[in-house]
C-alpha atoms as a PDB file:
ATOM      1  CA  MET A   1     -25.853  76.888   0.359  1.00  0.00           C
ATOM      2  CA  GLY A   2     -24.215  76.366   3.701  1.00  0.00           C
ATOM      3  CA  GLN A   3     -22.931  73.006   4.877  1.00  0.00           C
ATOM      4  CA  ARG A   4     -25.574  72.865   7.581  1.00  0.00           C
ATOM      5  CA  GLN A   5     -28.386  73.453   5.094  1.00  0.00           C
ATOM      6  CA  ALA A   6     -26.980  70.767   2.771  1.00  0.00           C
ATOM      7  CA  TYR A   7     -27.077  68.193   5.586  1.00  0.00           C
ATOM      8  CA  GLY A   8     -30.591  69.327   6.489  1.00  0.00           C
ATOM      9  CA  ASN A   9     -31.718  68.669   2.922  1.00  0.00           C
ATOM     10  CA  ILE A  10     -30.177  65.187   2.956  1.00  0.00           C
ATOM     11  CA  ILE A  11     -31.900  64.394   6.249  1.00  0.00           C
ATOM     12  CA  LYS A  12     -35.222  65.680   4.892  1.00  0.00           C
ATOM     13  CA  GLN A  13     -34.870  63.506   1.775  1.00  0.00           C
ATOM     14  CA  ASN A  14     -34.092  60.472   3.949  1.00  0.00           C
ATOM     15  CA  HIS A  15     -37.191  61.120   6.060  1.00  0.00           C
ATOM     16  CA  LEU A  16     -39.329  61.240   2.929  1.00  0.00           C
ATOM     17  CA  LEU A  17     -37.870  57.952   1.718  1.00  0.00           C
ATOM     18  CA  MET A  18     -38.498  56.314   5.097  1.00  0.00           C
ATOM     19  CA  LYS A  19     -42.156  57.370   4.975  1.00  0.00           C
ATOM     20  CA  ASP A  20     -42.641  55.679   1.588  1.00  0.00           C
ATOM     21  CA  PRO A  21     -45.251  52.923   2.150  1.00  0.00           C
ATOM     22  CA  ASP A  22     -43.465  50.653  -0.338  1.00  0.00           C
ATOM     23  CA  TRP A  23     -40.352  50.549   1.845  1.00  0.00           C
ATOM     24  CA  THR A  24     -39.687  48.799   5.119  1.00  0.00           C
ATOM     25  CA  VAL A  25     -36.985  50.735   6.967  1.00  0.00           C
ATOM     26  CA  GLN A  26     -35.174  49.711  10.130  1.00  0.00           C
ATOM     27  CA  ILE A  27     -32.528  51.946  11.647  1.00  0.00           C
ATOM     28  CA  THR A  28     -30.025  50.499  14.073  1.00  0.00           C
ATOM     29  CA  HIS A  29     -27.006  51.962  15.827  1.00  0.00           C
ATOM     30  CA  CYS A  30     -23.538  50.518  15.580  1.00  0.00           C
ATOM     31  CA  PHE A  31     -20.323  51.835  17.043  1.00  0.00           C
ATOM     32  CA  ARG A  32     -17.788  53.245  14.583  1.00  0.00           C
ATOM     33  CA  GLU A  33     -15.373  50.437  15.479  1.00  0.00           C
ATOM     34  CA  SER A  34     -17.767  47.944  13.909  1.00  0.00           C
ATOM     35  CA  ASN A  35     -18.150  49.997  10.734  1.00  0.00           C
ATOM     36  CA  LYS A  36     -14.786  51.677  10.300  1.00  0.00           C
ATOM     37  CA  ALA A  37     -15.053  51.949   6.499  1.00  0.00           C
ATOM     38  CA  ALA A  38     -18.332  53.887   6.712  1.00  0.00           C
ATOM     39  CA  ASP A  39     -16.858  56.109   9.432  1.00  0.00           C
ATOM     40  CA  LEU A  40     -13.783  56.833   7.288  1.00  0.00           C
ATOM     41  CA  LEU A  41     -15.905  57.614   4.201  1.00  0.00           C
ATOM     42  CA  ALA A  42     -18.203  59.887   6.209  1.00  0.00           C
ATOM     43  CA  ASN A  43     -15.230  61.826   7.571  1.00  0.00           C
ATOM     44  CA  GLU A  44     -13.703  62.114   4.084  1.00  0.00           C
ATOM     45  CA  GLY A  45     -17.063  63.262   2.704  1.00  0.00           C
ATOM     46  CA  VAL A  46     -17.249  66.121   5.179  1.00  0.00           C
ATOM     47  CA  LYS A  47     -13.815  67.335   4.069  1.00  0.00           C
ATOM     48  CA  GLN A  48     -14.319  67.150   0.297  1.00  0.00           C
ATOM     49  CA  ALA A  49     -15.118  70.211  -1.795  1.00  0.00           C
ATOM     50  CA  ILE A  50     -17.522  68.587  -4.264  1.00  0.00           C
ATOM     51  CA  PRO A  51     -21.076  67.903  -3.057  1.00  0.00           C
ATOM     52  CA  MET A  52     -21.264  64.231  -4.090  1.00  0.00           C
ATOM     53  CA  LEU A  53     -18.687  61.683  -5.114  1.00  0.00           C
ATOM     54  CA  VAL A  54     -19.638  58.214  -6.339  1.00  0.00           C
ATOM     55  CA  HIS A  55     -16.898  55.609  -6.082  1.00  0.00           C
ATOM     56  CA  THR A  56     -16.772  52.805  -8.648  1.00  0.00           C
ATOM     57  CA  TYR A  57     -14.247  50.960  -6.496  1.00  0.00           C
ATOM     58  CA  PRO A  58     -13.359  51.311  -2.819  1.00  0.00           C
ATOM     59  CA  PRO A  59     -11.009  54.266  -2.282  1.00  0.00           C
ATOM     60  CA  LEU A  60      -7.409  53.344  -1.468  1.00  0.00           C
ATOM     61  CA  SER A  61      -7.864  54.791   2.026  1.00  0.00           C
ATOM     62  CA  THR A  62     -10.410  52.056   2.826  1.00  0.00           C
ATOM     63  CA  LEU A  63      -8.263  49.103   1.742  1.00  0.00           C
ATOM     64  CA  PRO A  64      -6.528  48.524   5.123  1.00  0.00           C
ATOM     65  CA  ILE A  65      -9.929  48.610   6.846  1.00  0.00           C
ATOM     66  CA  LEU A  66     -11.469  46.225   4.310  1.00  0.00           C
ATOM     67  CA  PHE A  67      -8.476  43.897   4.735  1.00  0.00           C
ATOM     68  CA  GLU A  68      -9.051  43.888   8.519  1.00  0.00           C
ATOM     69  CA  ASP A  69     -12.695  43.054   7.877  1.00  0.00           C
ATOM     70  CA  ILE A  70     -12.059  40.081   5.587  1.00  0.00           C
ATOM     71  CA  SER A  71      -9.326  38.896   7.977  1.00  0.00           C
ATOM     72  CA  SER A  72     -11.844  38.914  10.865  1.00  0.00           C
ATOM     73  CA  ILE A  73      -9.709  41.303  12.915  1.00  0.00           C
ATOM     74  CA  VAL A  74     -11.767  42.580  15.839  1.00  0.00           C
ATOM     75  CA  TRP A  75     -11.252  45.885  17.657  1.00  0.00           C
ATOM     76  CA  PRO A  76     -13.162  45.862  20.951  1.00  0.00           C
ATOM     77  CA  ARG A  77     -14.745  49.054  22.211  1.00  0.00           C
ATOM     78  CA  ILE A  78     -13.769  50.024  25.758  1.00  0.00           C
ATOM     79  CA  LEU A  79     -16.647  51.492  27.732  1.00  0.00           C
ATOM     80  CA  ASN A  80     -16.601  53.165  31.122  1.00  0.00           C
ATOM     81  CA  VAL A  81     -19.182  51.510  33.343  1.00  0.00           C
ATOM     82  CA  ILE A  82     -20.423  53.601  36.217  1.00  0.00           C
END
């Protein structure tokens, strides 16, 4: 199974879950700067060889990001306004 097909299957499964009448689903966008740990894990997930990895504890690579979060360190996003 190609990587593209694997992502397609995940998206299809998510769509089915969102259509479940017992669930209320709201999707919102946030910039990667406001969710750096999720961005890091997503990038690591794309690079890993095994299809799914469940972490019992946060990976060591996320600890600096989690420390920034609990320390209330803010990284503003710079946008070009036209």
